């Protein structure tokens, strides 16, 4: 393990040799944003990752949106109210809304877009987050027609949602699945409606160009209802799958801000970039998933626990990630008001005690030096993920004798393999919060939907989620959510590693970039320093 850590530190130091970033040589008409992997789609209803969400929040706006600090503010709805029982929400649209092609946008179109989002053929991955919406699950399963969905338009400027239980609906409406999509383009072009010249949005920007595996260019949408307050005229989202290469592009003056920062000694980064380095708390959990539907992990909690115990999280966050990440012994990060996260039973044990128990469980599962576990560990292309995978594989080898084959896959391939649960064994998992709610980090484990990458299937867990949903006080709800999280941990459903921090490099000439719990930074809030 020492050799692995030393090698990683050497790579980090090598990345930090160059001098601080020079001023950009281009005109300030265009904002250059690092954006991580190539977006898997620009179909708002099918988006399931950060890289497409970043772009879609510029191209579209939902009924509710967020300001630069992450606070909920009116979007295309100018106001809303909720009934006393929390089950009926009424949203009042702004007057004179337009699509980017100039056509009017009204409430019936918003309703039709929701019906399309929950139709079975759309297969929207985040539809399960709207399980409180009346008939949402039955509509997505094809048991009811889309018209049965609990959303209606009494007139051209009102959208009414009916829920089966109370829920924080405004926060959910900031997600891309809730964005209105221009259905005439979907009907005419199908999956190709997301191409430049065909994509019709209603956000602060419109799609001008998309060069696969390179960049996406957006320009200000003059028909956006708040276009007068959108400062930056053009935005280019750069595909920056390799974090170290992204840092070098920032240092060379090619980017105004980065999507992330590669693992490096924090003092070196601060010395080099000063106030341009932005690190802040972030609602994100990084964990490793295991395919629980197939051997060797199916019905084998002892083996799963052995692998979890063998990971030294303190060493991982100190030497491998190294940018303020916190060791995780649960699946829900701190910072959610009113919620206390669950922890593994051995969270307070020493690493030596954990490793002794790991070895005993490994032997009990039938493995030894003569019969080692051989497994594949999949992760998507990324410098931080590669270093994490190397470190974890080294720990498993040194502590248990596990033989690990690392599989690095391009993002779209990785996502498909992870979702299908056919060839995966161990894989890079984790969850970045969609809303500030503990349930958001747990819900995917509660059904057999496209987000349940592990295939976890446990009635006791679903019962706890259901009791949380039925709770009539926030205290009772959080208690049942805590019990549900504890059930996941006791069942060894995943291997928690660490809780994220938000980390970006932001040039001094960019103003309006504010830290927020969900790390969302719509371009409409940014402006150039005068």
Protein backbone atom coordinates (compact mmCIF):
# COMPACT_ATOMS: atom_id res chain seq x y z
CA UNK A 1 0.00 0.00 0.00
CA UNK A 2 2.88 2.40 0.76
CA UNK A 3 4.12 2.02 -2.82
CA UNK A 4 0.68 2.82 -4.22
CA UNK A 5 0.32 5.90 -2.01
CA UNK A 6 3.85 7.09 -2.87
CA UNK A 7 3.16 6.67 -6.58
CA UNK A 8 -0.09 8.60 -6.30
CA UNK A 9 1.59 11.42 -4.40
CA UNK A 10 4.30 11.57 -7.07
CA UNK A 11 1.64 11.91 -9.77
CA UNK A 12 -0.06 14.64 -7.77
CA UNK A 13 3.19 16.56 -7.34
CA UNK A 14 4.00 16.23 -11.03
CA UNK A 15 0.64 17.81 -11.85
CA UNK A 16 1.52 20.82 -9.69
CA UNK A 17 4.78 21.81 -11.36
CA UNK A 18 3.36 24.39 -13.78
CA UNK A 19 3.00 28.03 -12.77
CA UNK A 20 -0.26 29.77 -11.88
CA UNK A 21 -2.77 30.31 -14.67
CA UNK A 22 -2.13 33.26 -16.99
CA UNK A 23 -5.00 35.52 -18.04
CA UNK A 24 -7.16 34.17 -20.84
CA UNK A 25 -6.13 35.49 -24.21
CA UNK A 26 -9.62 35.40 -25.70
CA UNK A 27 -12.39 37.95 -25.56
CA UNK A 28 -14.79 37.70 -22.64
CA UNK A 29 -17.77 37.08 -24.89
CA UNK A 30 -17.60 33.32 -24.27
CA UNK A 31 -17.47 31.46 -20.97
CA UNK A 32 -15.38 28.29 -21.09
CA UNK A 33 -16.64 25.68 -18.61
CA UNK A 34 -15.12 22.33 -17.80
CA UNK A 35 -17.95 19.79 -17.61
CA UNK A 36 -16.52 16.31 -17.00
CA UNK A 37 -17.63 13.43 -19.25
CA UNK A 38 -19.53 13.76 -22.52
CA UNK A 39 -23.24 14.21 -21.63
CA UNK A 40 -25.04 10.92 -22.21
CA UNK A 41 -28.07 12.80 -23.53
CA UNK A 42 -29.68 16.23 -23.78
CA UNK A 43 -33.14 14.72 -23.48
CA UNK A 44 -34.11 16.36 -20.19
CA UNK A 45 -36.38 13.49 -19.19
CA UNK A 46 -33.61 10.90 -19.66
CA UNK A 47 -30.73 12.76 -18.02
CA UNK A 48 -29.27 10.98 -15.00
CA UNK A 49 -25.82 12.49 -14.42
CA UNK A 50 -24.18 15.79 -13.52
CA UNK A 51 -22.65 16.48 -16.94
CA UNK A 52 -25.98 16.57 -18.78
CA UNK A 53 -27.72 18.30 -15.85
CA UNK A 54 -25.24 21.19 -16.00
CA UNK A 55 -26.05 21.83 -19.67
CA UNK A 56 -29.79 21.26 -19.34
CA UNK A 57 -30.09 23.82 -16.54
CA UNK A 58 -28.90 26.40 -19.06
CA UNK A 59 -31.17 25.19 -21.87
CA UNK A 60 -34.37 24.74 -19.85
CA UNK A 61 -36.20 26.09 -16.85
CA UNK A 62 -38.80 24.28 -14.77
CA UNK A 63 -41.67 25.63 -12.73
CA UNK A 64 -39.20 26.18 -9.89
CA UNK A 65 -35.50 26.94 -10.16
CA UNK A 66 -32.55 27.86 -7.92
CA UNK A 67 -30.53 31.01 -7.50
CA UNK A 68 -26.72 31.07 -7.39
CA UNK A 69 -26.72 30.10 -3.70
CA UNK A 70 -29.02 27.12 -4.27
CA UNK A 71 -32.17 28.72 -2.83
CA UNK A 72 -35.51 27.83 -4.43
CA UNK A 73 -36.96 30.69 -6.47
CA UNK A 74 -39.73 31.00 -9.05
CA UNK A 75 -38.94 29.62 -12.49
CA UNK A 76 -41.58 29.65 -15.20
CA UNK A 77 -44.07 29.68 -12.32
CA UNK A 78 -44.25 33.12 -10.72
CA UNK A 79 -45.80 31.73 -7.51
CA UNK A 80 -47.37 28.62 -5.98
CA UNK A 81 -49.41 27.43 -3.02
CA UNK A 82 -50.11 24.12 -1.30
CA UNK A 83 -53.25 22.77 0.36
CA UNK A 84 -53.43 22.30 4.13
CA UNK A 85 -52.86 18.54 3.86
CA UNK A 86 -49.77 19.02 1.68
CA UNK A 87 -51.19 16.96 -1.19
CA UNK A 88 -52.34 19.54 -3.73
CA UNK A 89 -49.92 22.05 -5.21
CA UNK A 90 -50.98 24.82 -7.60
CA UNK A 91 -48.40 26.66 -9.71
CA UNK A 92 -49.21 29.90 -11.51
CA UNK A 93 -47.21 30.46 -14.72
CA UNK A 94 -45.70 33.78 -15.72
CA UNK A 95 -47.47 35.71 -18.43
CA UNK A 96 -46.05 35.68 -21.96
CA UNK A 97 -43.72 32.65 -21.69
CA UNK A 98 -42.04 31.61 -24.94
CA UNK A 99 -40.02 28.71 -26.26
CA UNK A 100 -36.65 29.56 -27.77
CA UNK A 101 -38.27 29.36 -31.24
CA UNK A 102 -40.77 32.07 -30.29
CA UNK A 103 -43.85 29.89 -29.84
CA UNK A 104 -46.00 30.37 -26.70
CA UNK A 105 -45.47 28.08 -23.70
CA UNK A 106 -48.53 27.41 -21.57
CA UNK A 107 -49.76 25.12 -18.79
CA UNK A 108 -51.24 22.37 -21.03
CA UNK A 109 -47.81 21.97 -22.66
CA UNK A 110 -46.20 21.62 -19.24
CA UNK A 111 -48.72 18.91 -18.36
CA UNK A 112 -48.17 17.10 -21.68
CA UNK A 113 -44.43 17.17 -21.04
CA UNK A 114 -44.89 15.57 -17.62
CA UNK A 115 -46.99 12.83 -19.18
CA UNK A 116 -44.25 12.19 -21.72
CA UNK A 117 -41.65 12.04 -18.92
CA UNK A 118 -43.55 9.30 -17.09
CA UNK A 119 -44.61 7.29 -20.15
CA UNK A 120 -43.05 3.79 -20.14
CA UNK A 121 -41.24 4.27 -23.46
CA UNK A 122 -39.41 7.34 -22.13
CA UNK A 123 -37.86 5.21 -19.35
CA UNK A 124 -36.96 8.30 -17.33
CA UNK A 125 -34.38 7.19 -14.74
CA UNK A 126 -35.42 9.79 -12.14
CA UNK A 127 -39.15 9.08 -12.37
CA UNK A 128 -38.95 7.01 -9.19
CA UNK A 129 -38.07 10.14 -7.22
CA UNK A 130 -41.64 11.32 -7.93
CA UNK A 131 -43.29 8.32 -6.28
CA UNK A 132 -45.47 10.71 -4.24
CA UNK A 133 -47.09 12.02 -7.44
CA UNK A 134 -50.47 10.35 -7.84
CA UNK A 135 -50.37 7.35 -10.19
CA UNK A 136 -46.76 8.09 -11.22
CA UNK A 137 -45.55 4.54 -10.61
CA UNK A 138 -48.56 2.95 -12.30
CA UNK A 139 -48.19 5.21 -15.35
CA UNK A 140 -44.49 4.46 -15.72
CA UNK A 141 -45.19 0.74 -15.39
CA UNK A 142 -47.77 0.95 -18.18
CA UNK A 143 -50.66 0.01 -15.87
CA UNK A 144 -52.41 3.34 -16.37
CA UNK A 145 -52.53 5.80 -19.26
CA UNK A 146 -50.34 8.94 -18.99
CA UNK A 147 -53.54 10.98 -18.63
CA UNK A 148 -54.02 9.39 -15.20
CA UNK A 149 -50.88 11.10 -13.87
CA UNK A 150 -51.60 13.47 -11.00
CA UNK A 151 -50.95 16.68 -12.94
CA UNK A 152 -53.52 18.86 -14.70
CA UNK A 153 -53.96 22.28 -16.30
CA UNK A 154 -57.28 23.92 -15.32
CA UNK A 155 -56.41 26.81 -17.62
CA UNK A 156 -53.51 28.21 -19.66
CA UNK A 157 -51.60 29.53 -16.65
CA UNK A 158 -52.18 27.00 -13.86
CA UNK A 159 -50.56 23.61 -13.27
CA UNK A 160 -52.00 21.52 -10.44
CA UNK A 161 -50.25 18.49 -8.92
CA UNK A 162 -52.04 15.89 -6.83
CA UNK A 163 -49.89 13.82 -4.46
CA UNK A 164 -50.60 10.57 -2.63
CA UNK A 165 -48.63 11.88 0.38
CA UNK A 166 -47.05 15.13 1.36
CA UNK A 167 -43.66 15.77 -0.27
CA UNK A 168 -41.26 18.65 -0.92
CA UNK A 169 -42.50 19.07 -4.49
CA UNK A 170 -40.87 22.45 -5.34
CA UNK A 171 -37.38 21.02 -4.78
CA UNK A 172 -38.14 18.04 -7.04
CA UNK A 173 -39.35 20.39 -9.77
CA UNK A 174 -35.80 21.74 -10.18
CA UNK A 175 -34.70 18.38 -11.66
CA UNK A 176 -34.36 17.97 -15.44
CA UNK A 177 -37.13 15.37 -15.54
CA UNK A 178 -39.50 18.20 -14.56
CA UNK A 179 -38.38 20.55 -17.34
CA UNK A 180 -40.95 21.20 -20.10
CA UNK A 181 -39.81 19.59 -23.35
CA UNK A 182 -40.98 20.89 -26.73
CA UNK A 183 -43.07 17.91 -27.89
CA UNK A 184 -43.49 18.86 -31.58
CA UNK A 185 -39.71 18.40 -32.00
CA UNK A 186 -39.85 15.07 -30.12
CA UNK A 187 -42.66 13.87 -32.39
CA UNK A 188 -40.87 14.98 -35.56
CA UNK A 189 -37.28 13.96 -34.78
CA UNK A 190 -37.56 11.37 -32.00
CA UNK A 191 -34.24 10.87 -30.20
CA UNK A 192 -32.62 13.36 -32.60
CA UNK A 193 -34.63 16.29 -31.20
CA UNK A 194 -31.62 17.13 -28.98
CA UNK A 195 -29.36 18.12 -31.90
CA UNK A 196 -28.39 21.74 -32.63
CA UNK A 197 -31.05 23.39 -34.79
CA UNK A 198 -33.68 20.98 -33.47
CA UNK A 199 -33.51 21.37 -29.70
CA UNK A 200 -36.10 23.90 -28.59
CA UNK A 201 -35.79 24.95 -24.96
CA UNK A 202 -37.12 27.64 -22.66
CA UNK A 203 -34.04 28.45 -20.59
CA UNK A 204 -31.53 31.27 -20.47
CA UNK A 205 -29.53 29.76 -23.37
CA UNK A 206 -30.12 27.81 -26.54
CA UNK A 207 -27.97 25.10 -28.14
CA UNK A 208 -25.79 26.43 -30.93
CA UNK A 209 -23.36 23.55 -31.60
CA UNK A 210 -22.38 20.14 -30.24
CA UNK A 211 -19.09 18.52 -31.21
CA UNK A 212 -19.10 14.98 -29.71
CA UNK A 213 -16.32 14.26 -27.22
CA UNK A 214 -15.19 17.89 -27.48
CA UNK A 215 -17.67 20.61 -26.47
CA UNK A 216 -21.17 22.06 -26.57
CA UNK A 217 -21.74 25.74 -27.38
CA UNK A 218 -24.73 27.71 -26.11
CA UNK A 219 -25.80 31.28 -26.78
CA UNK A 220 -28.11 33.57 -24.87
CA UNK A 221 -31.81 32.97 -25.52
CA UNK A 222 -33.37 36.35 -26.25
CA UNK A 223 -36.85 34.92 -25.59
CA UNK A 224 -36.06 33.82 -22.02
CA UNK A 225 -38.33 35.66 -19.61
CA UNK A 226 -35.35 37.11 -17.71
CA UNK A 227 -33.00 37.53 -20.69
CA UNK A 228 -32.25 41.15 -19.76
CA UNK A 229 -30.44 39.91 -16.65
CA UNK A 230 -28.38 37.20 -18.35
CA UNK A 231 -24.93 38.75 -18.58
CA UNK A 232 -22.76 36.24 -20.44
CA UNK A 233 -23.64 35.97 -24.11
CA UNK A 234 -22.11 32.63 -25.01
CA UNK A 235 -21.08 29.53 -23.04
CA UNK A 236 -19.00 26.57 -24.15
CA UNK A 237 -19.14 23.36 -22.07
CA UNK A 238 -15.87 21.51 -22.61
CA UNK A 239 -15.68 17.73 -22.25
CA UNK A 240 -13.02 17.27 -19.56
CA UNK A 241 -13.14 13.59 -18.65
CA UNK A 242 -9.59 13.58 -17.29
CA UNK A 243 -9.33 15.85 -14.24
CA UNK A 244 -5.56 16.31 -14.52
CA UNK A 245 -5.87 17.38 -18.15
CA UNK A 246 -8.68 19.75 -17.13
CA UNK A 247 -6.41 21.36 -14.54
CA UNK A 248 -3.70 21.84 -17.14
CA UNK A 249 -6.20 23.45 -19.51
CA UNK A 250 -7.20 25.86 -16.74
CA UNK A 251 -3.54 26.63 -16.02
CA UNK A 252 -2.93 27.24 -19.72
CA UNK A 253 -5.78 29.74 -19.86
CA UNK A 254 -8.25 27.59 -21.83
CA UNK A 255 -10.97 27.38 -19.14
CA UNK A 256 -12.69 29.90 -16.90
CA UNK A 257 -13.61 27.24 -14.36
CA UNK A 258 -13.27 23.52 -13.92
CA UNK A 259 -15.79 20.84 -13.10
CA UNK A 260 -13.47 19.35 -10.50
CA UNK A 261 -9.87 19.29 -9.27
CA UNK A 262 -7.67 16.16 -9.40
CA UNK A 263 -6.20 14.72 -6.19
CA UNK A 264 -3.19 16.79 -5.18
CA UNK A 265 -1.68 18.03 -1.91
CA UNK A 266 -3.99 20.78 -0.74
CA UNK A 267 -1.19 23.12 0.34
CA UNK A 268 0.39 22.87 -3.13
CA UNK A 269 -2.92 23.74 -4.82
CA UNK A 270 -3.55 26.68 -2.49
CA UNK A 271 -0.05 28.03 -3.05
CA UNK A 272 -0.40 27.71 -6.80
CA UNK A 273 -3.96 28.97 -7.32
CA UNK A 274 -4.79 30.96 -4.19
CA UNK A 275 -8.37 32.28 -4.13
CA UNK A 276 -9.11 30.62 -7.48
CA UNK A 277 -9.37 27.28 -5.63
CA UNK A 278 -12.92 26.86 -4.30
CA UNK A 279 -13.53 23.97 -1.88
CA UNK A 280 -16.80 23.71 0.03
CA UNK A 281 -19.18 21.14 1.60
CA UNK A 282 -21.27 19.20 -0.87
CA UNK A 283 -24.17 16.78 -0.57
CA UNK A 284 -22.55 13.82 -2.25
CA UNK A 285 -21.63 10.30 -1.11
CA UNK A 286 -19.05 8.09 -2.81
CA UNK A 287 -19.52 4.35 -2.38
CA UNK A 288 -18.69 1.15 -4.18
CA UNK A 289 -21.52 -1.00 -5.43
CA UNK A 290 -21.56 -4.78 -5.70
CA UNK A 291 -23.77 -6.81 -8.01
CA UNK A 292 -25.98 -8.53 -5.43
CA UNK A 293 -27.93 -10.45 -8.06
CA UNK A 294 -25.00 -12.72 -9.02
CA UNK A 295 -22.15 -14.64 -7.36
CA UNK A 296 -19.89 -14.03 -5.57
CA UNK A 297 -21.88 -11.35 -3.71
CA UNK A 298 -25.41 -12.74 -3.90
CA UNK A 299 -26.47 -14.07 -0.47
CA UNK A 300 -22.93 -13.48 0.80
CA UNK A 301 -23.00 -10.58 3.30
CA UNK A 302 -19.86 -11.89 5.06
CA UNK A 303 -17.78 -11.42 1.91
CA UNK A 304 -19.27 -8.00 1.27
CA UNK A 305 -18.48 -6.91 4.82
CA UNK A 306 -14.93 -8.24 4.57
CA UNK A 307 -14.26 -6.03 1.55
CA UNK A 308 -15.75 -3.01 3.29
CA UNK A 309 -13.72 -3.57 6.47
CA UNK A 310 -10.47 -3.92 4.54
CA UNK A 311 -10.63 -0.36 3.13
CA UNK A 312 -8.71 2.20 5.17
CA UNK A 313 -10.89 5.26 4.63
CA UNK A 314 -8.66 7.60 6.62
CA UNK A 315 -5.70 6.74 4.42
CA UNK A 316 -7.86 6.99 1.30
CA UNK A 317 -9.09 10.51 2.08
CA UNK A 318 -5.73 11.72 3.39
CA UNK A 319 -3.43 10.47 0.66
CA UNK A 320 -5.55 9.62 -2.39
CA UNK A 321 -8.42 12.13 -2.57
CA UNK A 322 -6.86 14.72 -0.27
CA UNK A 323 -9.19 17.69 -0.84
CA UNK A 324 -11.24 17.76 2.32
CA UNK A 325 -13.32 14.62 1.71
CA UNK A 326 -14.60 12.98 4.90
CA UNK A 327 -14.36 9.20 5.55
CA UNK A 328 -17.83 7.70 5.19
CA UNK A 329 -19.36 4.97 7.32
CA UNK A 330 -22.86 5.63 6.02
CA UNK A 331 -24.62 6.49 2.77
CA UNK A 332 -26.21 9.85 3.61
CA UNK A 333 -23.85 12.84 3.99
CA UNK A 334 -24.11 15.33 6.82
CA UNK A 335 -25.62 18.75 6.25
CA UNK A 336 -29.26 17.73 5.81
CA UNK A 337 -31.34 19.68 8.37
CA UNK A 338 -32.93 17.46 11.02
CA UNK A 339 -31.30 14.23 9.86
CA UNK A 340 -28.67 12.21 11.73
CA UNK A 341 -26.95 9.68 9.49
CA UNK A 342 -26.58 5.98 10.30
CA UNK A 343 -23.16 4.34 10.66
CA UNK A 344 -21.69 0.89 10.22
CA UNK A 345 -21.48 -1.07 13.51
CA UNK A 346 -17.67 -0.97 13.37
CA UNK A 347 -17.27 2.72 12.54
CA UNK A 348 -15.52 3.43 15.85
CA UNK A 349 -13.15 0.44 15.70
CA UNK A 350 -9.48 0.86 14.88
CA UNK A 351 -8.31 -0.05 11.40
CA UNK A 352 -6.34 -2.96 12.88
CA UNK A 353 -9.54 -4.30 14.48
CA UNK A 354 -11.43 -3.90 11.22
CA UNK A 355 -8.78 -5.74 9.24
CA UNK A 356 -8.70 -8.63 11.75
CA UNK A 357 -12.47 -9.02 11.39
CA UNK A 358 -12.18 -8.70 7.60
CA UNK A 359 -9.75 -11.61 7.47
CA UNK A 360 -12.01 -13.79 9.62
CA UNK A 361 -15.06 -13.04 7.46
CA UNK A 362 -13.07 -13.65 4.28
CA UNK A 363 -12.08 -17.11 5.53
CA UNK A 364 -15.65 -17.80 6.65
CA UNK A 365 -16.82 -16.99 3.11
CA UNK A 366 -14.58 -19.77 1.81
CA UNK A 367 -11.57 -17.80 0.53
CA UNK A 368 -7.90 -18.05 1.41
CA UNK A 369 -4.39 -17.53 0.04
CA UNK A 370 -4.76 -20.82 -1.84
CA UNK A 371 -8.25 -19.93 -3.07
CA UNK A 372 -8.31 -16.13 -3.46
CA UNK A 373 -11.29 -14.12 -4.55
CA UNK A 374 -10.86 -12.91 -8.13
CA UNK A 375 -13.09 -10.02 -9.14
CA UNK A 376 -13.50 -7.18 -11.63
CA UNK A 377 -13.72 -3.58 -10.48
CA UNK A 378 -15.33 -1.22 -13.01
CA UNK A 379 -15.06 2.56 -13.02
CA UNK A 380 -15.59 5.31 -15.56
CA UNK A 381 -12.67 7.21 -17.09
CA UNK A 382 -11.45 9.77 -14.55
CA UNK A 383 -8.16 10.53 -12.86
CA UNK A 384 -9.65 10.58 -9.32
CA UNK A 385 -11.53 7.33 -9.96
CA UNK A 386 -8.43 5.62 -11.35
CA UNK A 387 -6.39 6.57 -8.30
CA UNK A 388 -9.18 5.51 -5.97
CA UNK A 389 -9.52 2.15 -7.72
CA UNK A 390 -5.76 1.53 -7.56
CA UNK A 391 -5.70 2.31 -3.85
CA UNK A 392 -8.73 0.17 -2.96
CA UNK A 393 -7.48 -2.75 -5.05
CA UNK A 394 -4.13 -2.50 -3.25
CA UNK A 395 -5.84 -2.56 0.16
CA UNK A 396 -7.90 -5.62 -0.76
CA UNK A 397 -4.81 -7.39 -2.00
CA UNK A 398 -2.65 -6.52 1.01
CA UNK A 399 -5.25 -7.27 3.68
CA UNK A 400 -7.14 -10.21 2.16
CA UNK A 401 -5.19 -11.43 -0.86
CA UNK A 402 -7.99 -10.52 -3.30
CA UNK A 403 -6.97 -10.44 -6.96
CA UNK A 404 -8.57 -7.43 -8.65
CA UNK A 405 -8.84 -6.76 -12.39
CA UNK A 406 -9.51 -3.07 -13.01
CA UNK A 407 -11.84 -2.16 -15.88
CA UNK A 408 -11.80 1.44 -17.07
CA UNK A 409 -14.79 2.30 -19.30
CA UNK A 410 -15.99 5.37 -21.19
CA UNK A 411 -18.89 7.00 -19.32
CA UNK A 412 -21.79 5.88 -21.54
CA UNK A 413 -20.53 2.28 -21.67
CA UNK A 414 -19.98 2.27 -17.92
CA UNK A 415 -23.47 3.60 -17.20
CA UNK A 416 -25.10 0.95 -19.38
CA UNK A 417 -23.10 -1.91 -17.88
CA UNK A 418 -23.82 -0.71 -14.36
CA UNK A 419 -27.55 -0.41 -15.02
CA UNK A 420 -27.90 -3.82 -16.69
CA UNK A 421 -26.25 -5.79 -13.83
CA UNK A 422 -25.02 -8.49 -16.22
CA UNK A 423 -21.23 -8.31 -16.28
CA UNK A 424 -20.61 -6.03 -13.31
CA UNK A 425 -19.14 -7.29 -10.02
CA UNK A 426 -17.72 -4.30 -8.11
CA UNK A 427 -18.28 -0.87 -9.58
CA UNK A 428 -17.92 2.81 -8.86
CA UNK A 429 -21.18 3.96 -7.31
CA UNK A 430 -22.21 6.91 -5.20
CA UNK A 431 -24.92 9.53 -5.22
CA UNK A 432 -24.92 13.29 -5.65
CA UNK A 433 -27.95 14.89 -4.02
CA UNK A 434 -30.79 15.97 -6.29
CA UNK A 435 -32.60 17.64 -3.39
CA UNK A 436 -31.63 18.38 0.22
CA UNK A 437 -33.34 15.27 1.61
CA UNK A 438 -31.97 12.06 3.14
CA UNK A 439 -34.56 10.01 1.26
CA UNK A 440 -32.94 11.04 -2.02
CA UNK A 441 -29.82 9.02 -1.09
CA UNK A 442 -31.83 5.90 -0.17
CA UNK A 443 -34.77 5.66 -2.56
CA UNK A 444 -32.94 3.90 -5.41
CA UNK A 445 -32.38 0.83 -3.22
CA UNK A 446 -36.14 0.50 -2.63
CA UNK A 447 -37.26 -0.89 -6.01
CA UNK A 448 -35.96 -2.62 -9.11
CA UNK A 449 -35.70 0.58 -11.13
CA UNK A 450 -32.82 1.70 -13.37
CA UNK A 451 -31.05 3.44 -10.46
CA UNK A 452 -30.82 0.32 -8.29
CA UNK A 453 -27.45 -0.68 -9.72
CA UNK A 454 -26.72 -3.25 -7.00
CA UNK A 455 -29.98 -5.19 -7.34
CA UNK A 456 -30.61 -4.89 -3.59
CA UNK A 457 -34.02 -6.40 -2.77
CA UNK A 458 -35.12 -6.39 0.86
CA UNK A 459 -38.75 -6.08 2.11
CA UNK A 460 -37.58 -4.77 5.49
CA UNK A 461 -35.88 -1.80 3.83
CA UNK A 462 -38.92 -1.01 1.70
CA UNK A 463 -41.13 -1.18 4.80
CA UNK A 464 -38.97 1.42 6.55
CA UNK A 465 -39.13 3.72 3.54
CA UNK A 466 -42.90 3.34 3.44
CA UNK A 467 -43.19 4.23 7.13
CA UNK A 468 -41.04 7.30 6.53
CA UNK A 469 -43.37 8.33 3.71
CA UNK A 470 -46.43 7.86 5.93
CA UNK A 471 -44.98 9.73 8.92
CA UNK A 472 -46.93 12.82 9.94
CA UNK A 473 -44.02 14.68 11.53
CA UNK A 474 -40.56 15.52 10.24
CA UNK A 475 -39.01 13.97 13.35
CA UNK A 476 -40.77 10.64 12.77
CA UNK A 477 -39.92 10.73 9.07
CA UNK A 478 -36.23 11.24 9.75
CA UNK A 479 -36.24 8.46 12.34
CA UNK A 480 -37.62 5.97 9.81
CA UNK A 481 -35.17 7.17 7.17
CA UNK A 482 -32.35 6.62 9.67
CA UNK A 483 -33.67 3.09 10.27
CA UNK A 484 -33.77 2.48 6.51
CA UNK A 485 -30.17 3.66 6.09
CA UNK A 486 -29.08 1.46 9.00
CA UNK A 487 -30.76 -1.52 7.34
CA UNK A 488 -28.74 -0.91 4.16
CA UNK A 489 -25.52 -0.75 6.15
CA UNK A 490 -26.30 -3.85 8.23
CA UNK A 491 -27.06 -5.75 5.02
CA UNK A 492 -23.76 -4.62 3.45
CA UNK A 493 -25.68 -3.30 0.44
CA UNK A 494 -22.78 -1.04 -0.58
CA UNK A 495 -19.29 -0.05 0.58
CA UNK A 496 -19.28 3.60 1.73
CA UNK A 497 -15.93 5.31 1.16
CA UNK A 498 -16.18 9.07 1.61
CA UNK A 499 -18.39 12.13 1.44
CA UNK A 500 -17.60 14.59 -1.32
CA UNK A 501 -16.46 18.15 -1.22
CA UNK A 502 -17.20 20.56 -4.03
CA UNK A 503 -13.90 21.52 -5.67
CA UNK A 504 -13.43 23.89 -8.58
CA UNK A 505 -10.89 26.29 -9.98
CA UNK A 506 -12.58 29.60 -10.87
CA UNK A 507 -10.81 32.48 -12.58
CA UNK A 508 -10.83 35.85 -10.86
CA UNK A 509 -12.63 37.51 -13.77
CA UNK A 510 -15.74 35.31 -13.23
CA UNK A 511 -18.17 36.67 -10.65
CA UNK A 512 -21.36 35.13 -9.28
CA UNK A 513 -19.93 31.64 -8.66
CA UNK A 514 -21.29 30.74 -5.20
CA UNK A 515 -20.85 27.59 -3.15
CA UNK A 516 -24.11 25.72 -2.59
CA UNK A 517 -25.00 22.30 -1.14
CA UNK A 518 -25.91 20.73 -4.50
CA UNK A 519 -23.00 22.35 -6.39
CA UNK A 520 -25.17 23.72 -9.19
CA UNK A 521 -23.92 26.75 -11.10
CA UNK A 522 -26.25 27.87 -13.87
CA UNK A 523 -24.49 30.20 -16.31
CA UNK A 524 -27.27 32.80 -16.05
CA UNK A 525 -26.00 33.83 -12.61
CA UNK A 526 -22.40 34.39 -13.72
CA UNK A 527 -20.96 37.63 -15.00
CA UNK A 528 -17.63 39.17 -15.93
CA UNK A 529 -15.69 41.34 -13.54
CA UNK A 530 -15.97 44.92 -14.76
